[in-house]
PDB file of N, CA and C in Angstrom:
ATOM      1  N   UNK A   1      96.800 108.911 117.395  1.00  0.00           N
ATOM      2  CA  UNK A   1      97.848 109.855 117.085  1.00  0.00           C
ATOM      3  C   UNK A   1      97.199 111.171 116.673  1.00  0.00           C
ATOM      4  N   UNK A   2      97.692 112.293 117.189  1.00  0.00           N
ATOM      5  CA  UNK A   2      97.124 113.574 116.788  1.00  0.00           C
ATOM      6  C   UNK A   2      97.949 114.175 115.652  1.00  0.00           C
ATOM      7  N   UNK A   3      97.399 115.215 115.047  1.00  0.00           N
ATOM      8  CA  UNK A   3      98.034 115.787 113.861  1.00  0.00           C
ATOM      9  C   UNK A   3      99.440 116.309 114.146  1.00  0.00           C
ATOM     10  N   UNK A   4      99.675 116.793 115.367  1.00  0.00           N
ATOM     11  CA  UNK A   4     100.989 117.345 115.684  1.00  0.00           C
ATOM     12  C   UNK A   4     102.077 116.280 115.644  1.00  0.00           C
ATOM     13  N   UNK A   5     101.729 115.045 115.926  1.00  0.00           N
ATOM     14  CA  UNK A   5     102.725 113.977 115.911  1.00  0.00           C
ATOM     15  C   UNK A   5     102.603 113.090 114.683  1.00  0.00           C
ATOM     16  N   UNK A   6     101.495 113.162 113.985  1.00  0.00           N
ATOM     17  CA  UNK A   6     101.280 112.342 112.792  1.00  0.00           C
ATOM     18  C   UNK A   6     102.002 112.955 111.597  1.00  0.00           C
ATOM     19  N   UNK A   7     102.877 112.188 110.954  1.00  0.00           N
ATOM     20  CA  UNK A   7     103.557 112.746 109.780  1.00  0.00           C
ATOM     21  C   UNK A   7     102.597 112.870 108.598  1.00  0.00           C
ATOM     22  N   UNK A   8     102.836 113.861 107.794  1.00  0.00           N
ATOM     23  CA  UNK A   8     102.054 114.045 106.575  1.00  0.00           C
ATOM     24  C   UNK A   8     103.005 113.904 105.393  1.00  0.00           C
ATOM     25  N   UNK A   9     102.481 113.383 104.308  1.00  0.00           N
ATOM     26  CA  UNK A   9     103.255 113.181 103.093  1.00  0.00           C
ATOM     27  C   UNK A   9     102.649 114.026 101.986  1.00  0.00           C
ATOM     28  N   UNK A  10     103.493 114.770 101.274  1.00  0.00           N
ATOM     29  CA  UNK A  10     103.048 115.557 100.130  1.00  0.00           C
ATOM     30  C   UNK A  10     103.706 114.980  98.890  1.00  0.00           C
ATOM     31  N   UNK A  11     102.897 114.506  97.966  1.00  0.00           N
ATOM     32  CA  UNK A  11     103.385 114.028  96.679  1.00  0.00           C
ATOM     33  C   UNK A  11     103.486 115.256  95.775  1.00  0.00           C
ATOM     34  N   UNK A  12     104.701 115.604  95.395  1.00  0.00           N
ATOM     35  CA  UNK A  12     104.955 116.845  94.663  1.00  0.00           C
ATOM     36  C   UNK A  12     105.298 116.535  93.216  1.00  0.00           C
ATOM     37  N   UNK A  13     104.467 117.043  92.301  1.00  0.00           N
ATOM     38  CA  UNK A  13     104.655 116.783  90.876  1.00  0.00           C
ATOM     39  C   UNK A  13     104.669 118.101  90.109  1.00  0.00           C
ATOM     40  N   UNK A  14     105.011 118.020  88.836  1.00  0.00           N
ATOM     41  CA  UNK A  14     105.158 119.227  88.017  1.00  0.00           C
ATOM     42  C   UNK A  14     103.836 119.941  87.797  1.00  0.00           C
ATOM     43  N   UNK A  15     102.836 119.230  87.316  1.00  0.00           N
ATOM     44  CA  UNK A  15     101.569 119.842  86.929  1.00  0.00           C
ATOM     45  C   UNK A  15     101.470 119.935  85.419  1.00  0.00           C
ATOM     46  N   UNK A  16     100.245 120.015  84.922  1.00  0.00           N
ATOM     47  CA  UNK A  16      99.999 120.090  83.481  1.00  0.00           C
ATOM     48  C   UNK A  16      98.644 120.755  83.241  1.00  0.00           C
ATOM     49  N   UNK A  17      98.427 121.184  82.028  1.00  0.00           N
ATOM     50  CA  UNK A  17      97.138 121.806  81.693  1.00  0.00           C
ATOM     51  C   UNK A  17      96.003 120.785  81.661  1.00  0.00           C
ATOM     52  N   UNK A  18      96.312 119.575  81.267  1.00  0.00           N
ATOM     53  CA  UNK A  18      95.309 118.520  81.151  1.00  0.00           C
ATOM     54  C   UNK A  18      95.067 117.889  82.521  1.00  0.00           C
ATOM     55  N   UNK A  19      93.853 117.992  83.053  1.00  0.00           N
ATOM     56  CA  UNK A  19      93.581 117.439  84.384  1.00  0.00           C
ATOM     57  C   UNK A  19      93.805 115.922  84.468  1.00  0.00           C
ATOM     58  N   UNK A  20      93.687 115.218  83.344  1.00  0.00           N
ATOM     59  CA  UNK A  20      93.912 113.768  83.339  1.00  0.00           C
ATOM     60  C   UNK A  20      95.365 113.417  83.688  1.00  0.00           C
ATOM     61  N   UNK A  21      96.280 114.344  83.459  1.00  0.00           N
ATOM     62  CA  UNK A  21      97.688 114.119  83.723  1.00  0.00           C
ATOM     63  C   UNK A  21      97.915 113.743  85.188  1.00  0.00           C
ATOM     64  N   UNK A  22      97.082 114.240  86.088  1.00  0.00           N
ATOM     65  CA  UNK A  22      97.258 113.996  87.526  1.00  0.00           C
ATOM     66  C   UNK A  22      96.739 112.629  87.969  1.00  0.00           C
ATOM     67  N   UNK A  23      96.065 111.902  87.105  1.00  0.00           N
ATOM     68  CA  UNK A  23      95.461 110.620  87.510  1.00  0.00           C
ATOM     69  C   UNK A  23      96.457 109.614  88.093  1.00  0.00           C
ATOM     70  N   UNK A  24      97.630 109.406  87.492  1.00  0.00           N
ATOM     71  CA  UNK A  24      98.563 108.454  88.104  1.00  0.00           C
ATOM     72  C   UNK A  24      98.974 108.867  89.523  1.00  0.00           C
ATOM     73  N   UNK A  25      99.099 110.161  89.759  1.00  0.00           N
ATOM     74  CA  UNK A  25      99.481 110.641  91.080  1.00  0.00           C
ATOM     75  C   UNK A  25      98.353 110.421  92.082  1.00  0.00           C
ATOM     76  N   UNK A  26      97.120 110.586  91.623  1.00  0.00           N
ATOM     77  CA  UNK A  26      95.966 110.305  92.488  1.00  0.00           C
ATOM     78  C   UNK A  26      95.902 108.819  92.830  1.00  0.00           C
ATOM     79  N   UNK A  27      96.279 107.956  91.871  1.00  0.00           N
ATOM     80  CA  UNK A  27      96.301 106.513  92.151  1.00  0.00           C
ATOM     81  C   UNK A  27      97.393 106.172  93.154  1.00  0.00           C
ATOM     82  N   UNK A  28      98.551 106.831  93.041  1.00  0.00           N
ATOM     83  CA  UNK A  28      99.621 106.620  94.026  1.00  0.00           C
ATOM     84  C   UNK A  28      99.135 107.081  95.399  1.00  0.00           C
ATOM     85  N   UNK A  29      98.500 108.223  95.454  1.00  0.00           N
ATOM     86  CA  UNK A  29      97.967 108.752  96.716  1.00  0.00           C
ATOM     87  C   UNK A  29      96.989 107.750  97.348  1.00  0.00           C
ATOM     88  N   UNK A  30      96.074 107.240  96.549  1.00  0.00           N
ATOM     89  CA  UNK A  30      95.092 106.276  97.053  1.00  0.00           C
ATOM     90  C   UNK A  30      95.770 104.986  97.514  1.00  0.00           C
ATOM     91  N   UNK A  31      96.778 104.532  96.789  1.00  0.00           N
ATOM     92  CA  UNK A  31      97.479 103.300  97.164  1.00  0.00           C
ATOM     93  C   UNK A  31      98.208 103.464  98.492  1.00  0.00           C
ATOM     94  N   UNK A  32      98.823 104.614  98.700  1.00  0.00           N
ATOM     95  CA  UNK A  32      99.522 104.856  99.968  1.00  0.00           C
ATOM     96  C   UNK A  32      98.513 104.874 101.102  1.00  0.00           C
ATOM     97  N   UNK A  33      97.410 105.571 100.910  1.00  0.00           N
ATOM     98  CA  UNK A  33      96.376 105.635 101.947  1.00  0.00           C
ATOM     99  C   UNK A  33      95.830 104.240 102.257  1.00  0.00           C
ATOM    100  N   UNK A  34      95.674 103.418 101.236  1.00  0.00           N
ATOM    101  CA  UNK A  34      95.152 102.060 101.454  1.00  0.00           C
ATOM    102  C   UNK A  34      96.159 101.185 102.198  1.00  0.00           C
ATOM    103  N   UNK A  35      97.431 101.350 101.907  1.00  0.00           N
ATOM    104  CA  UNK A  35      98.463 100.526 102.533  1.00  0.00           C
ATOM    105  C   UNK A  35      98.803 100.979 103.949  1.00  0.00           C
ATOM    106  N   UNK A  36      98.618 102.251 104.215  1.00  0.00           N
ATOM    107  CA  UNK A  36      98.905 102.791 105.546  1.00  0.00           C
ATOM    108  C   UNK A  36      97.667 103.539 106.018  1.00  0.00           C
ATOM    109  N   UNK A  37      96.772 102.754 106.594  1.00  0.00           N
ATOM    110  CA  UNK A  37      95.477 103.263 107.019  1.00  0.00           C
ATOM    111  C   UNK A  37      95.634 104.545 107.841  1.00  0.00           C
ATOM    112  N   UNK A  38      94.922 105.556 107.445  1.00  0.00           N
ATOM    113  CA  UNK A  38      94.954 106.807 108.177  1.00  0.00           C
ATOM    114  C   UNK A  38      96.065 107.753 107.783  1.00  0.00           C
ATOM    115  N   UNK A  39      96.895 107.349 106.828  1.00  0.00           N
ATOM    116  CA  UNK A  39      98.003 108.214 106.411  1.00  0.00           C
ATOM    117  C   UNK A  39      97.458 109.495 105.787  1.00  0.00           C
ATOM    118  N   UNK A  40      98.090 110.583 106.127  1.00  0.00           N
ATOM    119  CA  UNK A  40      97.741 111.869 105.530  1.00  0.00           C
ATOM    120  C   UNK A  40      98.652 112.051 104.324  1.00  0.00           C
ATOM    121  N   UNK A  41      98.065 111.981 103.133  1.00  0.00           N
ATOM    122  CA  UNK A  41      98.815 112.072 101.881  1.00  0.00           C
ATOM    123  C   UNK A  41      98.109 113.080 100.990  1.00  0.00           C
ATOM    124  N   UNK A  42      98.833 114.134 100.645  1.00  0.00           N
ATOM    125  CA  UNK A  42      98.263 115.178  99.807  1.00  0.00           C
ATOM    126  C   UNK A  42      99.075 115.316  98.528  1.00  0.00           C
ATOM    127  N   UNK A  43      98.438 115.859  97.508  1.00  0.00           N
ATOM    128  CA  UNK A  43      99.110 116.163  96.252  1.00  0.00           C
ATOM    129  C   UNK A  43      99.413 117.662  96.205  1.00  0.00           C
ATOM    130  N   UNK A  44     100.514 118.015  95.572  1.00  0.00           N
ATOM    131  CA  UNK A  44     100.838 119.422  95.329  1.00  0.00           C
ATOM    132  C   UNK A  44     101.599 119.504  94.016  1.00  0.00           C
ATOM    133  N   UNK A  45     101.535 120.669  93.392  1.00  0.00           N
ATOM    134  CA  UNK A  45     102.103 120.822  92.067  1.00  0.00           C
ATOM    135  C   UNK A  45     102.974 122.067  91.976  1.00  0.00           C
ATOM    136  N   UNK A  46     103.975 121.984  91.121  1.00  0.00           N
ATOM    137  CA  UNK A  46     104.880 123.099  90.898  1.00  0.00           C
ATOM    138  C   UNK A  46     104.174 124.213  90.128  1.00  0.00           C
ATOM    139  N   UNK A  47     103.417 123.822  89.113  1.00  0.00           N
ATOM    140  CA  UNK A  47     102.735 124.825  88.295  1.00  0.00           C
ATOM    141  C   UNK A  47     101.563 124.203  87.553  1.00  0.00           C
ATOM    142  N   UNK A  48     100.696 125.056  87.067  1.00  0.00           N
ATOM    143  CA  UNK A  48      99.579 124.705  86.190  1.00  0.00           C
ATOM    144  C   UNK A  48      98.434 123.965  86.868  1.00  0.00           C
ATOM    145  N   UNK A  49      98.642 123.403  88.039  1.00  0.00           N
ATOM    146  CA  UNK A  49      97.591 122.676  88.754  1.00  0.00           C
ATOM    147  C   UNK A  49      97.591 123.119  90.209  1.00  0.00           C
ATOM    148  N   UNK A  50      96.510 122.831  90.871  1.00  0.00           N
ATOM    149  CA  UNK A  50      96.365 123.182  92.278  1.00  0.00           C
ATOM    150  C   UNK A  50      96.172 121.925  93.118  1.00  0.00           C
ATOM    151  N   UNK A  51      96.625 121.954  94.355  1.00  0.00           N
ATOM    152  CA  UNK A  51      97.211 123.082  95.065  1.00  0.00           C
ATOM    153  C   UNK A  51      98.703 123.210  94.781  1.00  0.00           C
ATOM    154  N   UNK A  52      99.200 124.430  94.935  1.00  0.00           N
ATOM    155  CA  UNK A  52     100.639 124.664  94.890  1.00  0.00           C
ATOM    156  C   UNK A  52     101.247 124.061  96.152  1.00  0.00           C
ATOM    157  N   UNK A  53     102.540 123.830  96.131  1.00  0.00           N
ATOM    158  CA  UNK A  53     103.213 123.222  97.276  1.00  0.00           C
ATOM    159  C   UNK A  53     102.996 124.040  98.547  1.00  0.00           C
ATOM    160  N   UNK A  54     103.176 125.346  98.476  1.00  0.00           N
ATOM    161  CA  UNK A  54     102.997 126.193  99.659  1.00  0.00           C
ATOM    162  C   UNK A  54     101.577 126.096 100.195  1.00  0.00           C
ATOM    163  N   UNK A  55     100.585 126.060  99.307  1.00  0.00           N
ATOM    164  CA  UNK A  55      99.187 125.957  99.746  1.00  0.00           C
ATOM    165  C   UNK A  55      98.919 124.633 100.448  1.00  0.00           C
ATOM    166  N   UNK A  56      99.454 123.546  99.896  1.00  0.00           N
ATOM    167  CA  UNK A  56      99.251 122.234 100.520  1.00  0.00           C
ATOM    168  C   UNK A  56      99.882 122.198 101.904  1.00  0.00           C
ATOM    169  N   UNK A  57     101.089 122.730 102.020  1.00  0.00           N
ATOM    170  CA  UNK A  57     101.759 122.733 103.324  1.00  0.00           C
ATOM    171  C   UNK A  57     101.061 123.677 104.288  1.00  0.00           C
ATOM    172  N   UNK A  58     100.627 124.836 103.822  1.00  0.00           N
ATOM    173  CA  UNK A  58      99.872 125.749 104.687  1.00  0.00           C
ATOM    174  C   UNK A  58      98.652 125.054 105.277  1.00  0.00           C
ATOM    175  N   UNK A  59      97.955 124.278 104.451  1.00  0.00           N
ATOM    176  CA  UNK A  59      96.763 123.580 104.934  1.00  0.00           C
ATOM    177  C   UNK A  59      97.128 122.501 105.951  1.00  0.00           C
ATOM    178  N   UNK A  60      98.186 121.754 105.679  1.00  0.00           N
ATOM    179  CA  UNK A  60      98.615 120.721 106.621  1.00  0.00           C
ATOM    180  C   UNK A  60      99.007 121.336 107.959  1.00  0.00           C
ATOM    181  N   UNK A  61      99.724 122.439 107.922  1.00  0.00           N
ATOM    182  CA  UNK A  61     100.113 123.119 109.162  1.00  0.00           C
ATOM    183  C   UNK A  61      98.869 123.641 109.881  1.00  0.00           C
ATOM    184  N   UNK A  62      97.924 124.207 109.132  1.00  0.00           N
ATOM    185  CA  UNK A  62      96.674 124.686 109.734  1.00  0.00           C
ATOM    186  C   UNK A  62      95.912 123.540 110.399  1.00  0.00           C
ATOM    187  N   UNK A  63      96.057 122.337 109.838  1.00  0.00           N
ATOM    188  CA  UNK A  63      95.408 121.146 110.415  1.00  0.00           C
ATOM    189  C   UNK A  63      96.181 120.601 111.609  1.00  0.00           C
ATOM    190  N   UNK A  64      97.339 121.197 111.900  1.00  0.00           N
ATOM    191  CA  UNK A  64      98.099 120.808 113.081  1.00  0.00           C
ATOM    192  C   UNK A  64      99.328 119.963 112.839  1.00  0.00           C
ATOM    193  N   UNK A  65      99.643 119.652 111.603  1.00  0.00           N
ATOM    194  CA  UNK A  65     100.805 118.808 111.310  1.00  0.00           C
ATOM    195  C   UNK A  65     102.100 119.595 111.508  1.00  0.00           C
ATOM    196  N   UNK A  66     103.063 118.945 112.148  1.00  0.00           N
ATOM    197  CA  UNK A  66     104.348 119.582 112.414  1.00  0.00           C
ATOM    198  C   UNK A  66     105.509 118.802 111.822  1.00  0.00           C
ATOM    199  N   UNK A  67     105.212 117.666 111.175  1.00  0.00           N
ATOM    200  CA  UNK A  67     106.226 116.874 110.472  1.00  0.00           C
ATOM    201  C   UNK A  67     105.670 116.552 109.092  1.00  0.00           C
ATOM    202  N   UNK A  68     106.326 117.091 108.077  1.00  0.00           N
ATOM    203  CA  UNK A  68     105.851 116.941 106.705  1.00  0.00           C
ATOM    204  C   UNK A  68     107.002 116.441 105.841  1.00  0.00           C
ATOM    205  N   UNK A  69     106.724 115.408 105.063  1.00  0.00           N
ATOM    206  CA  UNK A  69     107.701 114.861 104.117  1.00  0.00           C
ATOM    207  C   UNK A  69     107.204 115.149 102.711  1.00  0.00           C
ATOM    208  N   UNK A  70     108.086 115.650 101.887  1.00  0.00           N
ATOM    209  CA  UNK A  70     107.762 115.927 100.489  1.00  0.00           C
ATOM    210  C   UNK A  70     108.422 114.860  99.629  1.00  0.00           C
ATOM    211  N   UNK A  71     107.627 114.234  98.764  1.00  0.00           N
ATOM    212  CA  UNK A  71     108.124 113.206  97.848  1.00  0.00           C
ATOM    213  C   UNK A  71     108.047 113.758  96.425  1.00  0.00           C
ATOM    214  N   UNK A  72     109.177 114.187  95.860  1.00  0.00           N
ATOM    215  CA  UNK A  72     109.170 114.704  94.492  1.00  0.00           C
ATOM    216  C   UNK A  72     108.955 113.574  93.477  1.00  0.00           C
ATOM    217  N   UNK A  73     107.859 113.648  92.763  1.00  0.00           N
ATOM    218  CA  UNK A  73     107.554 112.635  91.754  1.00  0.00           C
ATOM    219  C   UNK A  73     108.101 113.093  90.401  1.00  0.00           C
ATOM    220  N   UNK A  74     109.416 113.252  90.377  1.00  0.00           N
ATOM    221  CA  UNK A  74     110.159 113.662  89.192  1.00  0.00           C
ATOM    222  C   UNK A  74     111.165 112.554  88.900  1.00  0.00           C
ATOM    223  N   UNK A  75     111.435 112.317  87.624  1.00  0.00           N
ATOM    224  CA  UNK A  75     112.366 111.251  87.261  1.00  0.00           C
ATOM    225  C   UNK A  75     113.826 111.648  87.428  1.00  0.00           C
ATOM    226  N   UNK A  76     114.117 112.931  87.491  1.00  0.00           N
ATOM    227  CA  UNK A  76     115.517 113.329  87.574  1.00  0.00           C
ATOM    228  C   UNK A  76     115.652 114.648  88.318  1.00  0.00           C
ATOM    229  N   UNK A  77     116.873 114.932  88.733  1.00  0.00           N
ATOM    230  CA  UNK A  77     117.206 116.172  89.429  1.00  0.00           C
ATOM    231  C   UNK A  77     117.439 117.289  88.413  1.00  0.00           C
ATOM    232  N   UNK A  78     116.389 117.692  87.741  1.00  0.00           N
ATOM    233  CA  UNK A  78     116.516 118.790  86.786  1.00  0.00           C
ATOM    234  C   UNK A  78     116.434 120.124  87.503  1.00  0.00           C
ATOM    235  N   UNK A  79     116.293 121.178  86.719  1.00  0.00           N
ATOM    236  CA  UNK A  79     116.250 122.524  87.269  1.00  0.00           C
ATOM    237  C   UNK A  79     115.136 122.749  88.276  1.00  0.00           C
ATOM    238  N   UNK A  80     114.011 122.087  88.076  1.00  0.00           N
ATOM    239  CA  UNK A  80     112.902 122.271  89.018  1.00  0.00           C
ATOM    240  C   UNK A  80     113.290 121.804  90.422  1.00  0.00           C
ATOM    241  N   UNK A  81     113.984 120.689  90.518  1.00  0.00           N
ATOM    242  CA  UNK A  81     114.359 120.188  91.840  1.00  0.00           C
ATOM    243  C   UNK A  81     115.626 120.843  92.365  1.00  0.00           C
ATOM    244  N   UNK A  82     116.532 121.196  91.488  1.00  0.00           N
ATOM    245  CA  UNK A  82     117.777 121.835  91.938  1.00  0.00           C
ATOM    246  C   UNK A  82     117.600 123.316  92.246  1.00  0.00           C
ATOM    247  N   UNK A  83     116.700 123.997  91.523  1.00  0.00           N
ATOM    248  CA  UNK A  83     116.560 125.446  91.667  1.00  0.00           C
ATOM    249  C   UNK A  83     115.217 125.874  92.252  1.00  0.00           C
ATOM    250  N   UNK A  84     114.132 125.418  91.638  1.00  0.00           N
ATOM    251  CA  UNK A  84     112.799 125.883  92.052  1.00  0.00           C
ATOM    252  C   UNK A  84     112.394 125.369  93.433  1.00  0.00           C
ATOM    253  N   UNK A  85     112.575 124.089  93.669  1.00  0.00           N
ATOM    254  CA  UNK A  85     112.144 123.521  94.945  1.00  0.00           C
ATOM    255  C   UNK A  85     112.885 124.140  96.133  1.00  0.00           C
ATOM    256  N   UNK A  86     114.206 124.300  96.103  1.00  0.00           N
ATOM    257  CA  UNK A  86     114.871 124.941  97.248  1.00  0.00           C
ATOM    258  C   UNK A  86     114.341 126.353  97.541  1.00  0.00           C
ATOM    259  N   UNK A  87     114.041 127.126  96.492  1.00  0.00           N
ATOM    260  CA  UNK A  87     113.489 128.473  96.694  1.00  0.00           C
ATOM    261  C   UNK A  87     112.105 128.400  97.343  1.00  0.00           C
ATOM    262  N   UNK A  88     111.282 127.474  96.845  1.00  0.00           N
ATOM    263  CA  UNK A  88     109.959 127.286  97.452  1.00  0.00           C
ATOM    264  C   UNK A  88     110.088 126.894  98.918  1.00  0.00           C
ATOM    265  N   UNK A  89     111.003 125.966  99.192  1.00  0.00           N
ATOM    266  CA  UNK A  89     111.180 125.500 100.564  1.00  0.00           C
ATOM    267  C   UNK A  89     111.696 126.596 101.477  1.00  0.00           C
ATOM    268  N   UNK A  90     112.580 127.453 100.983  1.00  0.00           N
ATOM    269  CA  UNK A  90     113.055 128.576 101.792  1.00  0.00           C
ATOM    270  C   UNK A  90     111.889 129.460 102.216  1.00  0.00           C
ATOM    271  N   UNK A  91     110.999 129.752 101.283  1.00  0.00           N
ATOM    272  CA  UNK A  91     109.831 130.591 101.585  1.00  0.00           C
ATOM    273  C   UNK A  91     108.886 129.895 102.560  1.00  0.00           C
ATOM    274  N   UNK A  92     108.654 128.624 102.329  1.00  0.00           N
ATOM    275  CA  UNK A  92     107.743 127.863 103.191  1.00  0.00           C
ATOM    276  C   UNK A  92     108.312 127.748 104.598  1.00  0.00           C
ATOM    277  N   UNK A  93     109.586 127.432 104.703  1.00  0.00           N
ATOM    278  CA  UNK A  93     110.211 127.285 106.028  1.00  0.00           C
ATOM    279  C   UNK A  93     110.254 128.606 106.779  1.00  0.00           C
ATOM    280  N   UNK A  94     110.372 129.722 106.074  1.00  0.00           N
ATOM    281  CA  UNK A  94     110.363 131.034 106.732  1.00  0.00           C
ATOM    282  C   UNK A  94     109.018 131.307 107.390  1.00  0.00           C
ATOM    283  N   UNK A  95     107.951 130.824 106.765  1.00  0.00           N
ATOM    284  CA  UNK A  95     106.607 131.016 107.308  1.00  0.00           C
ATOM    285  C   UNK A  95     106.314 130.005 108.419  1.00  0.00           C
ATOM    286  N   UNK A  96     106.849 128.796 108.283  1.00  0.00           N
ATOM    287  CA  UNK A  96     106.552 127.702 109.225  1.00  0.00           C
ATOM    288  C   UNK A  96     107.836 127.213 109.892  1.00  0.00           C
ATOM    289  N   UNK A  97     108.482 128.111 110.620  1.00  0.00           N
ATOM    290  CA  UNK A  97     109.784 127.804 111.217  1.00  0.00           C
ATOM    291  C   UNK A  97     109.740 126.620 112.180  1.00  0.00           C
ATOM    292  N   UNK A  98     108.640 126.368 112.849  1.00  0.00           N
ATOM    293  CA  UNK A  98     108.558 125.274 113.816  1.00  0.00           C
ATOM    294  C   UNK A  98     108.155 123.945 113.222  1.00  0.00           C
ATOM    295  N   UNK A  99     108.044 123.865 111.914  1.00  0.00           N
ATOM    296  CA  UNK A  99     107.593 122.636 111.254  1.00  0.00           C
ATOM    297  C   UNK A  99     108.796 121.926 110.636  1.00  0.00           C
ATOM    298  N   UNK A 100     108.892 120.624 110.895  1.00  0.00           N
ATOM    299  CA  UNK A 100     109.962 119.807 110.305  1.00  0.00           C
ATOM    300  C   UNK A 100     109.536 119.393 108.896  1.00  0.00           C
ATOM    301  N   UNK A 101     110.259 119.889 107.905  1.00  0.00           N
ATOM    302  CA  UNK A 101     109.949 119.562 106.508  1.00  0.00           C
ATOM    303  C   UNK A 101     111.155 118.860 105.915  1.00  0.00           C
ATOM    304  N   UNK A 102     110.944 117.630 105.480  1.00  0.00           N
ATOM    305  CA  UNK A 102     112.026 116.874 104.848  1.00  0.00           C
ATOM    306  C   UNK A 102     111.641 116.577 103.405  1.00  0.00           C
ATOM    307  N   UNK A 103     112.657 116.378 102.581  1.00  0.00           N
ATOM    308  CA  UNK A 103     112.437 116.100 101.164  1.00  0.00           C
ATOM    309  C   UNK A 103     113.114 114.784 100.814  1.00  0.00           C
ATOM    310  N   UNK A 104     112.350 113.894 100.229  1.00  0.00           N
ATOM    311  CA  UNK A 104     112.887 112.623  99.751  1.00  0.00           C
ATOM    312  C   UNK A 104     113.597 112.846  98.415  1.00  0.00           C
ATOM    313  N   UNK A 105     114.391 111.875  97.975  1.00  0.00           N
ATOM    314  CA  UNK A 105     114.986 111.993  96.640  1.00  0.00           C
ATOM    315  C   UNK A 105     113.896 111.926  95.563  1.00  0.00           C
ATOM    316  N   UNK A 106     114.209 112.439  94.401  1.00  0.00           N
ATOM    317  CA  UNK A 106     113.301 112.275  93.256  1.00  0.00           C
ATOM    318  C   UNK A 106     113.117 110.785  93.002  1.00  0.00           C
ATOM    319  N   UNK A 107     111.952 110.383  92.538  1.00  0.00           N
ATOM    320  CA  UNK A 107     111.708 108.951  92.325  1.00  0.00           C
ATOM    321  C   UNK A 107     112.725 108.350  91.365  1.00  0.00           C
ATOM    322  N   UNK A 108     113.210 109.133  90.423  1.00  0.00           N
ATOM    323  CA  UNK A 108     114.205 108.639  89.470  1.00  0.00           C
ATOM    324  C   UNK A 108     115.587 108.443  90.074  1.00  0.00           C
ATOM    325  N   UNK A 109     115.774 108.894  91.296  1.00  0.00           N
ATOM    326  CA  UNK A 109     117.040 108.683  92.001  1.00  0.00           C
ATOM    327  C   UNK A 109     116.994 107.486  92.944  1.00  0.00           C
ATOM    328  N   UNK A 110     115.877 106.789  92.959  1.00  0.00           N
ATOM    329  CA  UNK A 110     115.695 105.656  93.869  1.00  0.00           C
ATOM    330  C   UNK A 110     115.923 104.362  93.092  1.00  0.00           C
ATOM    331  N   UNK A 111     116.978 103.654  93.451  1.00  0.00           N
ATOM    332  CA  UNK A 111     117.386 102.448  92.714  1.00  0.00           C
ATOM    333  C   UNK A 111     116.275 101.401  92.644  1.00  0.00           C
ATOM    334  N   UNK A 112     115.518 101.232  93.710  1.00  0.00           N
ATOM    335  CA  UNK A 112     114.425 100.256  93.727  1.00  0.00           C
ATOM    336  C   UNK A 112     113.386 100.571  92.648  1.00  0.00           C
ATOM    337  N   UNK A 113     113.090 101.850  92.496  1.00  0.00           N
ATOM    338  CA  UNK A 113     112.102 102.255  91.490  1.00  0.00           C
ATOM    339  C   UNK A 113     112.664 102.044  90.087  1.00  0.00           C
ATOM    340  N   UNK A 114     113.909 102.411  89.875  1.00  0.00           N
ATOM    341  CA  UNK A 114     114.531 102.197  88.560  1.00  0.00           C
ATOM    342  C   UNK A 114     114.585 100.717  88.205  1.00  0.00           C
ATOM    343  N   UNK A 115     114.899  99.880  89.186  1.00  0.00           N
ATOM    344  CA  UNK A 115     114.917  98.432  88.949  1.00  0.00           C
ATOM    345  C   UNK A 115     113.525  97.898  88.640  1.00  0.00           C
ATOM    346  N   UNK A 116     112.504  98.425  89.318  1.00  0.00           N
ATOM    347  CA  UNK A 116     111.130  97.991  89.037  1.00  0.00           C
ATOM    348  C   UNK A 116     110.732  98.360  87.609  1.00  0.00           C
ATOM    349  N   UNK A 117     111.120  99.538  87.164  1.00  0.00           N
ATOM    350  CA  UNK A 117     110.828  99.953  85.788  1.00  0.00           C
ATOM    351  C   UNK A 117     111.573  99.060  84.800  1.00  0.00           C
ATOM    352  N   UNK A 118     112.839  98.808  85.081  1.00  0.00           N
ATOM    353  CA  UNK A 118     113.625  97.941  84.191  1.00  0.00           C
ATOM    354  C   UNK A 118     113.020  96.545  84.137  1.00  0.00           C
ATOM    355  N   UNK A 119     112.619  95.995  85.279  1.00  0.00           N
ATOM    356  CA  UNK A 119     111.991  94.669  85.312  1.00  0.00           C
ATOM    357  C   UNK A 119     110.709  94.662  84.480  1.00  0.00           C
ATOM    358  N   UNK A 120     109.917  95.681  84.614  1.00  0.00           N
ATOM    359  CA  UNK A 120     108.679  95.762  83.848  1.00  0.00           C
ATOM    360  C   UNK A 120     108.980  95.820  82.357  1.00  0.00           C
ATOM    361  N   UNK A 121     109.967  96.611  81.965  1.00  0.00           N
ATOM    362  CA  UNK A 121     110.300  96.752  80.551  1.00  0.00           C
ATOM    363  C   UNK A 121     110.886  95.459  79.982  1.00  0.00           C
ATOM    364  N   UNK A 122     111.714  94.776  80.766  1.00  0.00           N
ATOM    365  CA  UNK A 122     112.233  93.480  80.321  1.00  0.00           C
ATOM    366  C   UNK A 122     111.087  92.505  80.102  1.00  0.00           C
ATOM    367  N   UNK A 123     110.126  92.516  81.029  1.00  0.00           N
ATOM    368  CA  UNK A 123     108.967  91.627  80.890  1.00  0.00           C
ATOM    369  C   UNK A 123     108.077  91.992  79.720  1.00  0.00           C
ATOM    370  N   UNK A 124     108.125  93.260  79.302  1.00  0.00           N
ATOM    371  CA  UNK A 124     107.288  93.711  78.183  1.00  0.00           C
ATOM    372  C   UNK A 124     107.881  93.382  76.818  1.00  0.00           C
ATOM    373  N   UNK A 125     109.173  93.048  76.804  1.00  0.00           N
ATOM    374  CA  UNK A 125     109.816  92.712  75.532  1.00  0.00           C
ATOM    375  C   UNK A 125     109.270  91.399  74.978  1.00  0.00           C
ATOM    376  N   UNK A 126     109.054  91.351  73.675  1.00  0.00           N
ATOM    377  CA  UNK A 126     108.621  90.081  73.078  1.00  0.00           C
ATOM    378  C   UNK A 126     109.709  89.011  73.253  1.00  0.00           C
ATOM    379  N   UNK A 127     109.280  87.811  73.437  1.00  0.00           N
ATOM    380  CA  UNK A 127     110.222  86.680  73.598  1.00  0.00           C
ATOM    381  C   UNK A 127     110.400  85.977  72.282  1.00  0.00           C
TER     382      UNK A 127
END
């Protein structure tokens, strides 16, 4: 499969001053790559960390990718996802009009993920 037909995934998170904050996202990235051999999975951040979302997508497009999925690693549809992300996407899509960019729901909007968290917390309760 060549880059033009191979989908790319961008894990999009808030960002923080502490570089250790990104470690869980790097583990998710590595797990996806391990489960789907050859998957193109990049990290991008809203602020405070690099690369920014536009930079990550610019690089993927430069590498030839024409189908990009963004996975917001946010627990809820707060202002960043309702306001900031659409503005970023408008700018990115204006530059890359021929690229298909889709956005998944925030992880906190995915029932399977919420159930997995609830199951873990139930299991963590003392008996």
